[in-house]
Amino acid sequence: MEGLLQTVYDNNKKVQEAGCSAFATLEEQAGPLLVPYLKPILEHLRVGFDRFQHKNLLILYDAILTLADSVGSALNQPEYVELLVPPLLRKWEQLGDEDRGLVSLLECLSSVTVALGPGFQPFAVPVYKHTHNLIHQVLLQDQHYQTGAIQDPPDKEFLVAALDLMSGLVQGLGEDLQPIISQTEPKLVEMLTHCLLVCYSLI
C-alpha cells in the first residue's frame, strides 16, 4: 500500500497513472481493512490534487470514489473530512460547467457525500446550490434545443452525474437537507419531473 501511494510523488505521469489505478484495485479488494490506514491514505491522495494533470486527476477521482464506497461511514471523521472535501470542491470551482472532467468529479463527490453522511453538512449549501444550478442549466439547454434555438441537445452525462450527486446529498444528509431544498427555486420535485422527460428523450 505504501509503495503504491508513493507513486503520487513521481514526476512520470505514467507512473502516477499506474500507481493510482493499482491502488483503486487494492481498495476494492481490501475494503474495511483499509480503515486503520485512512489518514495516511488521504494524506497521500491529497497530494495528487496539486501534482496530477487532467487525465490522472480523473483516475484520482476514481480512487477516492472507490475508497468512499469501500470504507463507507468510517470516513466520517473531522480530520478525514478536512483532508478530502476542500480539495474536491476547489477543483470543482476551477472547472467550468461544460468541462468533461466535471462528470468524474461529480461521480466522486456523490460517493463521498454518502460515505460522510452528516459530516458533509458544512458543505451542503454550496454543493446543493451548485448541483441544483447545473441541473437547471441542462434543462434550460433542452428547452432551447426543443424550440430550435440551438442545434445540439444537452449532454446527458452532465445531467446524470449531477442527479447522482443530488441523490448522494439526499442519502447522506436526509432530513437535514430539507431546509435547503425548500428555499431553492425551481423546486426539486418540479425539476426531477423535467429530468425524467429529458432523459427519456435522450435515450
N, C-alpha and C. Protein backbone atom coordinates (compact mmCIF):
# COMPACT_ATOMS: atom_id res chain seq x y z
N MET A 1 0.83 -1.20 0.00
CA MET A 1 0.00 0.00 0.00
C MET A 1 0.86 1.25 0.00
N GLU A 2 1.87 1.27 0.86
CA GLU A 2 2.76 2.44 0.93
C GLU A 2 3.49 2.65 -0.39
N GLY A 3 3.91 1.56 -1.01
CA GLY A 3 4.61 1.67 -2.29
C GLY A 3 3.73 2.27 -3.37
N LEU A 4 2.49 1.85 -3.42
CA LEU A 4 1.57 2.39 -4.42
C LEU A 4 1.27 3.86 -4.16
N LEU A 5 1.09 4.21 -2.89
CA LEU A 5 0.77 5.61 -2.55
C LEU A 5 1.93 6.54 -2.85
N GLN A 6 3.15 6.05 -2.77
CA GLN A 6 4.32 6.88 -3.05
C GLN A 6 4.37 7.32 -4.51
N THR A 7 3.65 6.61 -5.38
CA THR A 7 3.70 6.98 -6.81
C THR A 7 3.08 8.34 -7.09
N VAL A 8 2.29 8.89 -6.14
CA VAL A 8 1.72 10.22 -6.38
C VAL A 8 2.82 11.29 -6.43
N TYR A 9 3.97 10.99 -5.86
CA TYR A 9 5.08 11.95 -5.85
C TYR A 9 5.97 11.82 -7.09
N ASP A 10 5.74 10.78 -7.89
CA ASP A 10 6.59 10.55 -9.05
C ASP A 10 6.32 11.60 -10.12
N ASN A 11 7.36 12.04 -10.80
CA ASN A 11 7.19 13.04 -11.86
C ASN A 11 6.72 12.45 -13.18
N ASN A 12 6.81 11.12 -13.29
CA ASN A 12 6.38 10.45 -14.51
C ASN A 12 4.87 10.23 -14.48
N LYS A 13 4.16 10.79 -15.47
CA LYS A 13 2.70 10.72 -15.47
C LYS A 13 2.21 9.28 -15.57
N LYS A 14 2.94 8.44 -16.31
CA LYS A 14 2.51 7.05 -16.45
C LYS A 14 2.66 6.29 -15.14
N VAL A 15 3.69 6.63 -14.37
CA VAL A 15 3.85 6.00 -13.06
C VAL A 15 2.72 6.44 -12.13
N GLN A 16 2.37 7.73 -12.17
CA GLN A 16 1.25 8.23 -11.38
C GLN A 16 -0.03 7.47 -11.74
N GLU A 17 -0.26 7.35 -13.04
CA GLU A 17 -1.48 6.70 -13.53
C GLU A 17 -1.54 5.23 -13.08
N ALA A 18 -0.44 4.51 -13.29
CA ALA A 18 -0.41 3.09 -12.95
C ALA A 18 -0.55 2.88 -11.45
N GLY A 19 0.14 3.70 -10.68
CA GLY A 19 0.09 3.56 -9.23
C GLY A 19 -1.29 3.84 -8.67
N CYS A 20 -1.92 4.90 -9.16
CA CYS A 20 -3.24 5.28 -8.65
C CYS A 20 -4.28 4.25 -9.07
N SER A 21 -4.18 3.74 -10.29
CA SER A 21 -5.11 2.71 -10.76
C SER A 21 -4.96 1.43 -9.95
N ALA A 22 -3.71 1.05 -9.68
CA ALA A 22 -3.46 -0.15 -8.89
C ALA A 22 -3.99 0.01 -7.47
N PHE A 23 -3.87 1.22 -6.93
CA PHE A 23 -4.36 1.44 -5.57
C PHE A 23 -5.88 1.35 -5.52
N ALA A 24 -6.56 1.81 -6.57
CA ALA A 24 -8.02 1.68 -6.63
C ALA A 24 -8.42 0.21 -6.62
N THR A 25 -7.66 -0.63 -7.33
CA THR A 25 -7.93 -2.07 -7.32
C THR A 25 -7.72 -2.65 -5.93
N LEU A 26 -6.65 -2.21 -5.26
CA LEU A 26 -6.39 -2.65 -3.90
C LEU A 26 -7.54 -2.27 -2.97
N GLU A 27 -8.06 -1.07 -3.15
CA GLU A 27 -9.17 -0.61 -2.31
C GLU A 27 -10.38 -1.52 -2.45
N GLU A 28 -10.68 -1.90 -3.69
CA GLU A 28 -11.82 -2.77 -3.93
C GLU A 28 -11.67 -4.10 -3.20
N GLN A 29 -10.46 -4.63 -3.21
CA GLN A 29 -10.23 -5.94 -2.59
C GLN A 29 -10.12 -5.85 -1.07
N ALA A 30 -9.51 -4.78 -0.57
CA ALA A 30 -9.25 -4.68 0.86
C ALA A 30 -10.47 -4.22 1.65
N GLY A 31 -11.26 -3.32 1.07
CA GLY A 31 -12.47 -2.86 1.74
C GLY A 31 -12.21 -2.30 3.12
N PRO A 32 -12.95 -2.79 4.14
CA PRO A 32 -12.83 -2.26 5.51
C PRO A 32 -11.44 -2.44 6.13
N LEU A 33 -10.62 -3.32 5.56
CA LEU A 33 -9.26 -3.50 6.10
C LEU A 33 -8.43 -2.22 6.00
N LEU A 34 -8.88 -1.28 5.16
CA LEU A 34 -8.15 -0.02 4.98
C LEU A 34 -8.43 0.99 6.09
N VAL A 35 -9.47 0.77 6.88
CA VAL A 35 -9.91 1.76 7.86
C VAL A 35 -8.78 2.23 8.79
N PRO A 36 -7.93 1.34 9.33
CA PRO A 36 -6.87 1.83 10.23
C PRO A 36 -5.84 2.74 9.55
N TYR A 37 -5.84 2.74 8.22
CA TYR A 37 -4.81 3.48 7.48
C TYR A 37 -5.38 4.68 6.72
N LEU A 38 -6.60 5.10 7.06
CA LEU A 38 -7.26 6.14 6.29
C LEU A 38 -6.51 7.46 6.29
N LYS A 39 -5.93 7.85 7.43
CA LYS A 39 -5.24 9.14 7.47
C LYS A 39 -4.06 9.19 6.50
N PRO A 40 -3.12 8.23 6.52
CA PRO A 40 -2.02 8.29 5.54
C PRO A 40 -2.50 8.13 4.11
N ILE A 41 -3.55 7.33 3.90
CA ILE A 41 -4.09 7.19 2.54
C ILE A 41 -4.57 8.54 2.02
N LEU A 42 -5.36 9.24 2.82
CA LEU A 42 -5.91 10.52 2.40
C LEU A 42 -4.82 11.58 2.26
N GLU A 43 -3.84 11.53 3.13
CA GLU A 43 -2.73 12.49 3.04
C GLU A 43 -1.98 12.31 1.72
N HIS A 44 -1.78 11.08 1.31
CA HIS A 44 -1.08 10.83 0.04
C HIS A 44 -1.96 11.19 -1.16
N LEU A 45 -3.22 10.77 -1.14
CA LEU A 45 -4.10 11.07 -2.27
C LEU A 45 -4.29 12.57 -2.43
N ARG A 46 -4.30 13.29 -1.34
CA ARG A 46 -4.46 14.75 -1.40
C ARG A 46 -3.34 15.40 -2.22
N VAL A 47 -2.15 14.83 -2.15
CA VAL A 47 -1.02 15.36 -2.92
C VAL A 47 -1.33 15.36 -4.41
N GLY A 48 -2.08 14.35 -4.86
CA GLY A 48 -2.40 14.24 -6.27
C GLY A 48 -3.19 15.42 -6.82
N PHE A 49 -3.95 16.10 -5.97
CA PHE A 49 -4.72 17.25 -6.43
C PHE A 49 -3.81 18.36 -6.96
N ASP A 50 -2.64 18.47 -6.39
CA ASP A 50 -1.70 19.52 -6.80
C ASP A 50 -0.73 19.04 -7.89
N ARG A 51 -0.47 17.74 -7.95
CA ARG A 51 0.56 17.24 -8.87
C ARG A 51 0.01 16.67 -10.17
N PHE A 52 -1.21 16.14 -10.12
CA PHE A 52 -1.76 15.46 -11.29
C PHE A 52 -2.35 16.46 -12.28
N GLN A 53 -2.22 16.13 -13.56
CA GLN A 53 -2.89 16.89 -14.61
C GLN A 53 -4.19 16.18 -14.99
N HIS A 54 -4.86 16.68 -16.02
CA HIS A 54 -6.25 16.30 -16.29
C HIS A 54 -6.50 14.80 -16.29
N LYS A 55 -5.78 14.04 -17.09
CA LYS A 55 -6.07 12.61 -17.22
C LYS A 55 -5.90 11.88 -15.90
N ASN A 56 -4.82 12.16 -15.20
CA ASN A 56 -4.57 11.47 -13.94
C ASN A 56 -5.49 11.96 -12.82
N LEU A 57 -6.00 13.17 -12.94
CA LEU A 57 -6.99 13.63 -11.96
C LEU A 57 -8.25 12.77 -12.04
N LEU A 58 -8.62 12.36 -13.23
CA LEU A 58 -9.79 11.50 -13.39
C LEU A 58 -9.58 10.17 -12.67
N ILE A 59 -8.36 9.66 -12.75
CA ILE A 59 -8.03 8.40 -12.06
C ILE A 59 -8.01 8.62 -10.55
N LEU A 60 -7.54 9.79 -10.13
CA LEU A 60 -7.56 10.13 -8.70
C LEU A 60 -8.99 10.18 -8.18
N TYR A 61 -9.90 10.81 -8.95
CA TYR A 61 -11.29 10.86 -8.54
C TYR A 61 -11.85 9.44 -8.38
N ASP A 62 -11.48 8.56 -9.30
CA ASP A 62 -11.97 7.18 -9.23
C ASP A 62 -11.43 6.48 -7.98
N ALA A 63 -10.16 6.74 -7.65
CA ALA A 63 -9.57 6.13 -6.45
C ALA A 63 -10.28 6.61 -5.19
N ILE A 64 -10.64 7.89 -5.13
CA ILE A 64 -11.34 8.43 -3.96
C ILE A 64 -12.76 7.88 -3.90
N LEU A 65 -13.41 7.80 -5.05
CA LEU A 65 -14.75 7.21 -5.12
C LEU A 65 -14.73 5.78 -4.59
N THR A 66 -13.75 4.99 -5.05
CA THR A 66 -13.64 3.60 -4.63
C THR A 66 -13.36 3.49 -3.14
N LEU A 67 -12.53 4.40 -2.63
CA LEU A 67 -12.24 4.42 -1.19
C LEU A 67 -13.51 4.68 -0.40
N ALA A 68 -14.29 5.67 -0.83
CA ALA A 68 -15.53 6.01 -0.13
C ALA A 68 -16.50 4.84 -0.14
N ASP A 69 -16.62 4.17 -1.29
CA ASP A 69 -17.52 3.01 -1.38
C ASP A 69 -17.01 1.85 -0.54
N SER A 70 -15.69 1.74 -0.38
CA SER A 70 -15.09 0.59 0.32
C SER A 70 -15.15 0.70 1.83
N VAL A 71 -14.99 1.93 2.35
CA VAL A 71 -14.93 2.08 3.83
C VAL A 71 -16.15 2.78 4.39
N GLY A 72 -16.99 3.39 3.53
CA GLY A 72 -18.24 3.97 3.97
C GLY A 72 -18.10 5.01 5.07
N SER A 73 -18.93 4.87 6.10
CA SER A 73 -19.02 5.89 7.15
C SER A 73 -17.76 6.02 8.00
N ALA A 74 -16.80 5.11 7.83
CA ALA A 74 -15.53 5.25 8.56
C ALA A 74 -14.82 6.54 8.16
N LEU A 75 -15.16 7.09 7.00
CA LEU A 75 -14.57 8.36 6.55
C LEU A 75 -15.10 9.56 7.33
N ASN A 76 -16.21 9.36 8.03
CA ASN A 76 -16.85 10.49 8.70
C ASN A 76 -16.14 10.83 10.01
N GLN A 77 -14.93 11.31 9.89
CA GLN A 77 -14.15 11.85 11.00
C GLN A 77 -13.68 13.24 10.59
N PRO A 78 -13.72 14.23 11.48
CA PRO A 78 -13.39 15.60 11.09
C PRO A 78 -12.07 15.74 10.35
N GLU A 79 -11.02 15.04 10.79
CA GLU A 79 -9.73 15.18 10.12
C GLU A 79 -9.76 14.60 8.71
N TYR A 80 -10.54 13.53 8.51
CA TYR A 80 -10.65 12.94 7.18
C TYR A 80 -11.46 13.84 6.26
N VAL A 81 -12.53 14.40 6.80
CA VAL A 81 -13.37 15.32 6.01
C VAL A 81 -12.54 16.50 5.52
N GLU A 82 -11.72 17.04 6.39
CA GLU A 82 -10.90 18.20 6.03
C GLU A 82 -9.84 17.85 4.99
N LEU A 83 -9.32 16.65 5.04
CA LEU A 83 -8.34 16.21 4.05
C LEU A 83 -8.97 15.97 2.68
N LEU A 84 -10.23 15.58 2.69
CA LEU A 84 -10.86 15.09 1.47
C LEU A 84 -11.72 16.11 0.73
N VAL A 85 -12.62 16.77 1.46
CA VAL A 85 -13.65 17.56 0.78
C VAL A 85 -13.14 18.89 0.21
N PRO A 86 -12.41 19.73 0.97
CA PRO A 86 -11.97 21.01 0.41
C PRO A 86 -11.21 20.90 -0.91
N PRO A 87 -10.27 19.93 -1.08
CA PRO A 87 -9.59 19.83 -2.38
C PRO A 87 -10.55 19.49 -3.52
N LEU A 88 -11.53 18.64 -3.25
CA LEU A 88 -12.52 18.30 -4.29
C LEU A 88 -13.33 19.52 -4.69
N LEU A 89 -13.75 20.31 -3.71
CA LEU A 89 -14.56 21.49 -4.02
C LEU A 89 -13.74 22.57 -4.71
N ARG A 90 -12.46 22.67 -4.37
CA ARG A 90 -11.60 23.64 -5.09
C ARG A 90 -11.47 23.26 -6.56
N LYS A 91 -11.33 21.97 -6.83
CA LYS A 91 -11.26 21.53 -8.22
C LYS A 91 -12.55 21.84 -8.96
N TRP A 92 -13.67 21.69 -8.27
CA TRP A 92 -14.96 21.99 -8.90
C TRP A 92 -15.04 23.48 -9.25
N GLU A 93 -14.55 24.31 -8.36
CA GLU A 93 -14.56 25.75 -8.62
C GLU A 93 -13.69 26.12 -9.82
N GLN A 94 -12.62 25.35 -10.04
CA GLN A 94 -11.70 25.64 -11.13
C GLN A 94 -12.24 25.19 -12.48
N LEU A 95 -13.17 24.23 -12.46
CA LEU A 95 -13.71 23.68 -13.70
C LEU A 95 -14.92 24.48 -14.15
N GLY A 96 -15.07 24.63 -15.45
CA GLY A 96 -16.30 25.19 -15.97
C GLY A 96 -17.38 24.12 -15.98
N ASP A 97 -18.64 24.54 -16.03
CA ASP A 97 -19.74 23.59 -16.00
C ASP A 97 -19.85 22.77 -17.28
N GLU A 98 -19.04 23.08 -18.29
CA GLU A 98 -19.04 22.29 -19.52
C GLU A 98 -17.77 21.47 -19.68
N ASP A 99 -16.92 21.48 -18.67
CA ASP A 99 -15.67 20.69 -18.71
C ASP A 99 -16.01 19.22 -18.51
N ARG A 100 -15.48 18.35 -19.38
CA ARG A 100 -15.79 16.92 -19.30
C ARG A 100 -15.28 16.30 -18.00
N GLY A 101 -14.23 16.87 -17.43
CA GLY A 101 -13.73 16.36 -16.17
C GLY A 101 -14.71 16.50 -15.03
N LEU A 102 -15.70 17.37 -15.20
CA LEU A 102 -16.69 17.59 -14.15
C LEU A 102 -17.52 16.35 -13.89
N VAL A 103 -17.76 15.54 -14.92
CA VAL A 103 -18.57 14.34 -14.76
C VAL A 103 -17.93 13.39 -13.74
N SER A 104 -16.63 13.13 -13.90
CA SER A 104 -15.93 12.24 -12.97
C SER A 104 -15.88 12.82 -11.57
N LEU A 105 -15.71 14.14 -11.48
CA LEU A 105 -15.65 14.80 -10.17
C LEU A 105 -16.99 14.70 -9.45
N LEU A 106 -18.09 14.88 -10.18
CA LEU A 106 -19.40 14.79 -9.57
C LEU A 106 -19.69 13.36 -9.11
N GLU A 107 -19.28 12.38 -9.91
CA GLU A 107 -19.46 10.98 -9.51
C GLU A 107 -18.70 10.68 -8.23
N CYS A 108 -17.49 11.22 -8.14
CA CYS A 108 -16.67 11.05 -6.94
C CYS A 108 -17.35 11.69 -5.73
N LEU A 109 -17.81 12.91 -5.88
CA LEU A 109 -18.47 13.62 -4.78
C LEU A 109 -19.73 12.90 -4.32
N SER A 110 -20.42 12.27 -5.26
CA SER A 110 -21.63 11.53 -4.90
C SER A 110 -21.33 10.44 -3.88
N SER A 111 -20.28 9.65 -4.14
CA SER A 111 -19.90 8.59 -3.20
C SER A 111 -19.39 9.17 -1.89
N VAL A 112 -18.67 10.28 -1.96
CA VAL A 112 -18.13 10.91 -0.76
C VAL A 112 -19.26 11.42 0.13
N THR A 113 -20.28 12.04 -0.45
CA THR A 113 -21.38 12.57 0.36
C THR A 113 -22.13 11.46 1.08
N VAL A 114 -22.31 10.33 0.40
CA VAL A 114 -22.99 9.19 1.05
C VAL A 114 -22.15 8.66 2.20
N ALA A 115 -20.84 8.51 1.97
CA ALA A 115 -19.94 7.97 3.00
C ALA A 115 -19.86 8.90 4.21
N LEU A 116 -19.77 10.20 3.98
CA LEU A 116 -19.61 11.14 5.09
C LEU A 116 -20.92 11.37 5.84
N GLY A 117 -22.04 11.25 5.15
CA GLY A 117 -23.33 11.45 5.82
C GLY A 117 -23.40 12.81 6.47
N PRO A 118 -23.73 12.88 7.76
CA PRO A 118 -23.86 14.17 8.44
C PRO A 118 -22.56 14.97 8.47
N GLY A 119 -21.43 14.31 8.27
CA GLY A 119 -20.15 15.01 8.24
C GLY A 119 -20.00 15.95 7.06
N PHE A 120 -20.88 15.79 6.06
CA PHE A 120 -20.83 16.66 4.88
C PHE A 120 -21.65 17.94 5.08
N GLN A 121 -22.32 18.05 6.21
CA GLN A 121 -23.22 19.18 6.46
C GLN A 121 -22.58 20.55 6.24
N PRO A 122 -21.33 20.81 6.67
CA PRO A 122 -20.76 22.15 6.47
C PRO A 122 -20.65 22.57 5.00
N PHE A 123 -20.69 21.60 4.10
CA PHE A 123 -20.52 21.91 2.68
C PHE A 123 -21.85 21.78 1.92
N ALA A 124 -22.91 21.48 2.63
CA ALA A 124 -24.17 21.12 1.98
C ALA A 124 -24.76 22.26 1.15
N VAL A 125 -24.76 23.48 1.69
CA VAL A 125 -25.43 24.58 0.99
C VAL A 125 -24.78 24.89 -0.36
N PRO A 126 -23.47 25.17 -0.41
CA PRO A 126 -22.89 25.48 -1.73
C PRO A 126 -22.93 24.32 -2.71
N VAL A 127 -22.74 23.09 -2.21
CA VAL A 127 -22.77 21.94 -3.12
C VAL A 127 -24.18 21.71 -3.66
N TYR A 128 -25.17 21.80 -2.79
CA TYR A 128 -26.55 21.63 -3.26
C TYR A 128 -26.92 22.69 -4.29
N LYS A 129 -26.60 23.95 -3.98
CA LYS A 129 -26.97 25.03 -4.91
C LYS A 129 -26.25 24.90 -6.24
N HIS A 130 -24.97 24.52 -6.20
CA HIS A 130 -24.22 24.37 -7.45
C HIS A 130 -24.78 23.21 -8.26
N THR A 131 -25.10 22.11 -7.59
CA THR A 131 -25.67 20.95 -8.28
C THR A 131 -27.04 21.29 -8.85
N HIS A 132 -27.85 21.95 -8.06
CA HIS A 132 -29.19 22.39 -8.49
C HIS A 132 -29.08 23.28 -9.72
N ASN A 133 -28.13 24.22 -9.69
CA ASN A 133 -27.95 25.13 -10.82
C ASN A 133 -27.50 24.38 -12.07
N LEU A 134 -26.63 23.38 -11.91
CA LEU A 134 -26.15 22.61 -13.05
C LEU A 134 -27.29 21.85 -13.70
N ILE A 135 -28.14 21.23 -12.90
CA ILE A 135 -29.31 20.52 -13.43
C ILE A 135 -30.23 21.50 -14.16
N HIS A 136 -30.45 22.64 -13.54
CA HIS A 136 -31.34 23.66 -14.13
C HIS A 136 -30.80 24.14 -15.48
N GLN A 137 -29.49 24.32 -15.57
CA GLN A 137 -28.89 24.77 -16.82
C GLN A 137 -29.06 23.75 -17.94
N VAL A 138 -28.91 22.47 -17.61
CA VAL A 138 -29.11 21.42 -18.61
C VAL A 138 -30.56 21.42 -19.09
N LEU A 139 -31.50 21.59 -18.17
CA LEU A 139 -32.91 21.64 -18.54
C LEU A 139 -33.21 22.84 -19.43
N LEU A 140 -32.58 23.97 -19.14
CA LEU A 140 -32.76 25.15 -19.99
C LEU A 140 -32.20 24.90 -21.39
N GLN A 141 -31.05 24.23 -21.45
CA GLN A 141 -30.47 23.89 -22.76
C GLN A 141 -31.42 23.00 -23.54
N ASP A 142 -32.06 22.07 -22.84
CA ASP A 142 -33.01 21.18 -23.53
C ASP A 142 -34.20 21.96 -24.06
N GLN A 143 -34.68 22.93 -23.29
CA GLN A 143 -35.79 23.76 -23.77
C GLN A 143 -35.40 24.51 -25.03
N HIS A 144 -34.19 25.08 -25.03
CA HIS A 144 -33.72 25.80 -26.22
C HIS A 144 -33.57 24.85 -27.41
N TYR A 145 -33.14 23.64 -27.14
CA TYR A 145 -32.99 22.64 -28.21
C TYR A 145 -34.36 22.25 -28.78
N GLN A 146 -35.32 22.06 -27.90
CA GLN A 146 -36.66 21.66 -28.34
C GLN A 146 -37.33 22.75 -29.18
N THR A 147 -37.01 24.01 -28.89
CA THR A 147 -37.63 25.12 -29.64
C THR A 147 -36.82 25.49 -30.88
N GLY A 148 -35.68 24.83 -31.07
CA GLY A 148 -34.85 25.12 -32.24
C GLY A 148 -33.90 26.28 -32.06
N ALA A 149 -33.81 26.81 -30.84
CA ALA A 149 -32.92 27.94 -30.60
C ALA A 149 -31.45 27.53 -30.68
N ILE A 150 -31.17 26.27 -30.34
CA ILE A 150 -29.82 25.72 -30.50
C ILE A 150 -29.92 24.40 -31.25
N GLN A 151 -28.83 23.99 -31.89
CA GLN A 151 -28.88 22.81 -32.75
C GLN A 151 -28.55 21.50 -32.02
N ASP A 152 -27.76 21.60 -30.97
CA ASP A 152 -27.30 20.38 -30.30
C ASP A 152 -28.06 20.15 -28.99
N PRO A 153 -28.44 18.89 -28.73
CA PRO A 153 -29.11 18.58 -27.46
C PRO A 153 -28.12 18.68 -26.30
N PRO A 154 -28.61 18.80 -25.08
CA PRO A 154 -27.71 18.86 -23.93
C PRO A 154 -27.00 17.53 -23.73
N ASP A 155 -25.88 17.57 -23.08
CA ASP A 155 -25.10 16.37 -22.81
C ASP A 155 -25.71 15.63 -21.62
N LYS A 156 -26.24 14.43 -21.89
CA LYS A 156 -26.93 13.67 -20.85
C LYS A 156 -26.01 13.30 -19.70
N GLU A 157 -24.72 13.12 -19.97
CA GLU A 157 -23.80 12.69 -18.91
C GLU A 157 -23.71 13.73 -17.78
N PHE A 158 -23.75 15.01 -18.13
CA PHE A 158 -23.71 16.05 -17.10
C PHE A 158 -24.96 15.96 -16.22
N LEU A 159 -26.10 15.74 -16.86
CA LEU A 159 -27.35 15.65 -16.12
C LEU A 159 -27.34 14.44 -15.19
N VAL A 160 -26.92 13.29 -15.71
CA VAL A 160 -26.89 12.06 -14.91
C VAL A 160 -25.93 12.20 -13.72
N ALA A 161 -24.75 12.77 -13.98
CA ALA A 161 -23.77 12.95 -12.90
C ALA A 161 -24.28 13.90 -11.83
N ALA A 162 -24.94 14.98 -12.25
CA ALA A 162 -25.50 15.93 -11.28
C ALA A 162 -26.62 15.30 -10.48
N LEU A 163 -27.44 14.48 -11.13
CA LEU A 163 -28.51 13.79 -10.42
C LEU A 163 -27.95 12.78 -9.43
N ASP A 164 -26.86 12.12 -9.81
CA ASP A 164 -26.21 11.19 -8.89
C ASP A 164 -25.74 11.92 -7.63
N LEU A 165 -25.15 13.10 -7.82
CA LEU A 165 -24.70 13.87 -6.67
C LEU A 165 -25.87 14.34 -5.82
N MET A 166 -26.95 14.76 -6.47
CA MET A 166 -28.14 15.16 -5.72
C MET A 166 -28.65 13.98 -4.89
N SER A 167 -28.64 12.79 -5.49
CA SER A 167 -29.05 11.60 -4.77
C SER A 167 -28.13 11.33 -3.58
N GLY A 168 -26.81 11.52 -3.79
CA GLY A 168 -25.86 11.34 -2.71
C GLY A 168 -26.10 12.30 -1.56
N LEU A 169 -26.44 13.53 -1.88
CA LEU A 169 -26.74 14.52 -0.84
C LEU A 169 -27.97 14.11 -0.03
N VAL A 170 -28.99 13.64 -0.74
CA VAL A 170 -30.21 13.22 -0.05
C VAL A 170 -29.94 12.00 0.83
N GLN A 171 -29.20 11.03 0.29
CA GLN A 171 -28.86 9.84 1.07
C GLN A 171 -28.01 10.18 2.29
N GLY A 172 -27.02 11.04 2.08
CA GLY A 172 -26.08 11.33 3.15
C GLY A 172 -26.64 12.23 4.24
N LEU A 173 -27.47 13.21 3.84
CA LEU A 173 -27.91 14.22 4.80
C LEU A 173 -29.36 14.05 5.25
N GLY A 174 -30.13 13.31 4.46
CA GLY A 174 -31.52 13.04 4.86
C GLY A 174 -32.32 14.30 5.12
N GLU A 175 -33.02 14.33 6.24
CA GLU A 175 -33.90 15.46 6.56
C GLU A 175 -33.14 16.76 6.78
N ASP A 176 -31.86 16.67 7.07
CA ASP A 176 -31.07 17.90 7.26
C ASP A 176 -30.98 18.72 5.98
N LEU A 177 -31.26 18.08 4.84
CA LEU A 177 -31.20 18.80 3.57
C LEU A 177 -32.51 19.53 3.28
N GLN A 178 -33.57 19.20 4.00
CA GLN A 178 -34.89 19.74 3.70
C GLN A 178 -34.94 21.27 3.69
N PRO A 179 -34.36 21.97 4.68
CA PRO A 179 -34.43 23.44 4.65
C PRO A 179 -33.78 24.03 3.41
N ILE A 180 -32.70 23.42 2.96
CA ILE A 180 -32.01 23.93 1.76
C ILE A 180 -32.88 23.70 0.53
N ILE A 181 -33.49 22.52 0.45
CA ILE A 181 -34.34 22.20 -0.70
C ILE A 181 -35.52 23.16 -0.78
N SER A 182 -36.13 23.43 0.36
CA SER A 182 -37.35 24.26 0.37
C SER A 182 -37.08 25.71 0.00
N GLN A 183 -35.84 26.16 0.16
CA GLN A 183 -35.51 27.57 -0.11
C GLN A 183 -35.01 27.80 -1.53
N THR A 184 -34.89 26.74 -2.32
CA THR A 184 -34.27 26.86 -3.64
C THR A 184 -35.32 26.75 -4.74
N GLU A 185 -35.24 27.67 -5.69
CA GLU A 185 -36.14 27.65 -6.86
C GLU A 185 -35.33 27.38 -8.13
N PRO A 186 -35.90 26.65 -9.12
CA PRO A 186 -37.19 25.96 -9.04
C PRO A 186 -37.15 24.79 -8.09
N LYS A 187 -38.32 24.36 -7.64
CA LYS A 187 -38.40 23.29 -6.66
C LYS A 187 -37.82 21.99 -7.22
N LEU A 188 -37.23 21.20 -6.32
CA LEU A 188 -36.53 19.99 -6.74
C LEU A 188 -37.45 18.99 -7.42
N VAL A 189 -38.64 18.76 -6.85
CA VAL A 189 -39.56 17.78 -7.45
C VAL A 189 -39.96 18.20 -8.86
N GLU A 190 -40.18 19.49 -9.04
CA GLU A 190 -40.52 20.01 -10.37
C GLU A 190 -39.38 19.76 -11.36
N MET A 191 -38.16 20.00 -10.91
CA MET A 191 -37.00 19.77 -11.77
C MET A 191 -36.84 18.30 -12.11
N LEU A 192 -37.05 17.43 -11.12
CA LEU A 192 -36.88 16.00 -11.35
C LEU A 192 -37.89 15.49 -12.38
N THR A 193 -39.09 16.05 -12.35
CA THR A 193 -40.10 15.67 -13.36
C THR A 193 -39.60 16.01 -14.75
N HIS A 194 -39.02 17.21 -14.90
CA HIS A 194 -38.47 17.61 -16.20
C HIS A 194 -37.28 16.73 -16.58
N CYS A 195 -36.49 16.33 -15.58
CA CYS A 195 -35.33 15.48 -15.85
C CYS A 195 -35.76 14.13 -16.43
N LEU A 196 -36.86 13.58 -15.93
CA LEU A 196 -37.38 12.32 -16.45
C LEU A 196 -37.70 12.44 -17.94
N LEU A 197 -38.31 13.55 -18.30
CA LEU A 197 -38.67 13.76 -19.70
C LEU A 197 -37.44 13.94 -20.57
N VAL A 198 -36.46 14.69 -20.06
CA VAL A 198 -35.23 14.91 -20.83
C VAL A 198 -34.46 13.62 -21.02
N CYS A 199 -34.28 12.87 -19.94
CA CYS A 199 -33.54 11.62 -20.02
C CYS A 199 -34.22 10.64 -20.96
N TYR A 200 -35.55 10.60 -20.92
CA TYR A 200 -36.28 9.70 -21.81
C TYR A 200 -36.08 10.11 -23.27
N SER A 201 -36.09 11.41 -23.52
CA SER A 201 -35.94 11.89 -24.90
C SER A 201 -34.53 11.67 -25.45
N LEU A 202 -33.55 11.49 -24.54
CA LEU A 202 -32.16 11.34 -24.98
C LEU A 202 -31.72 9.89 -25.09
N ILE A 203 -32.60 8.95 -24.69
CA ILE A 203 -32.24 7.53 -24.77
C ILE A 203 -32.09 7.10 -26.24
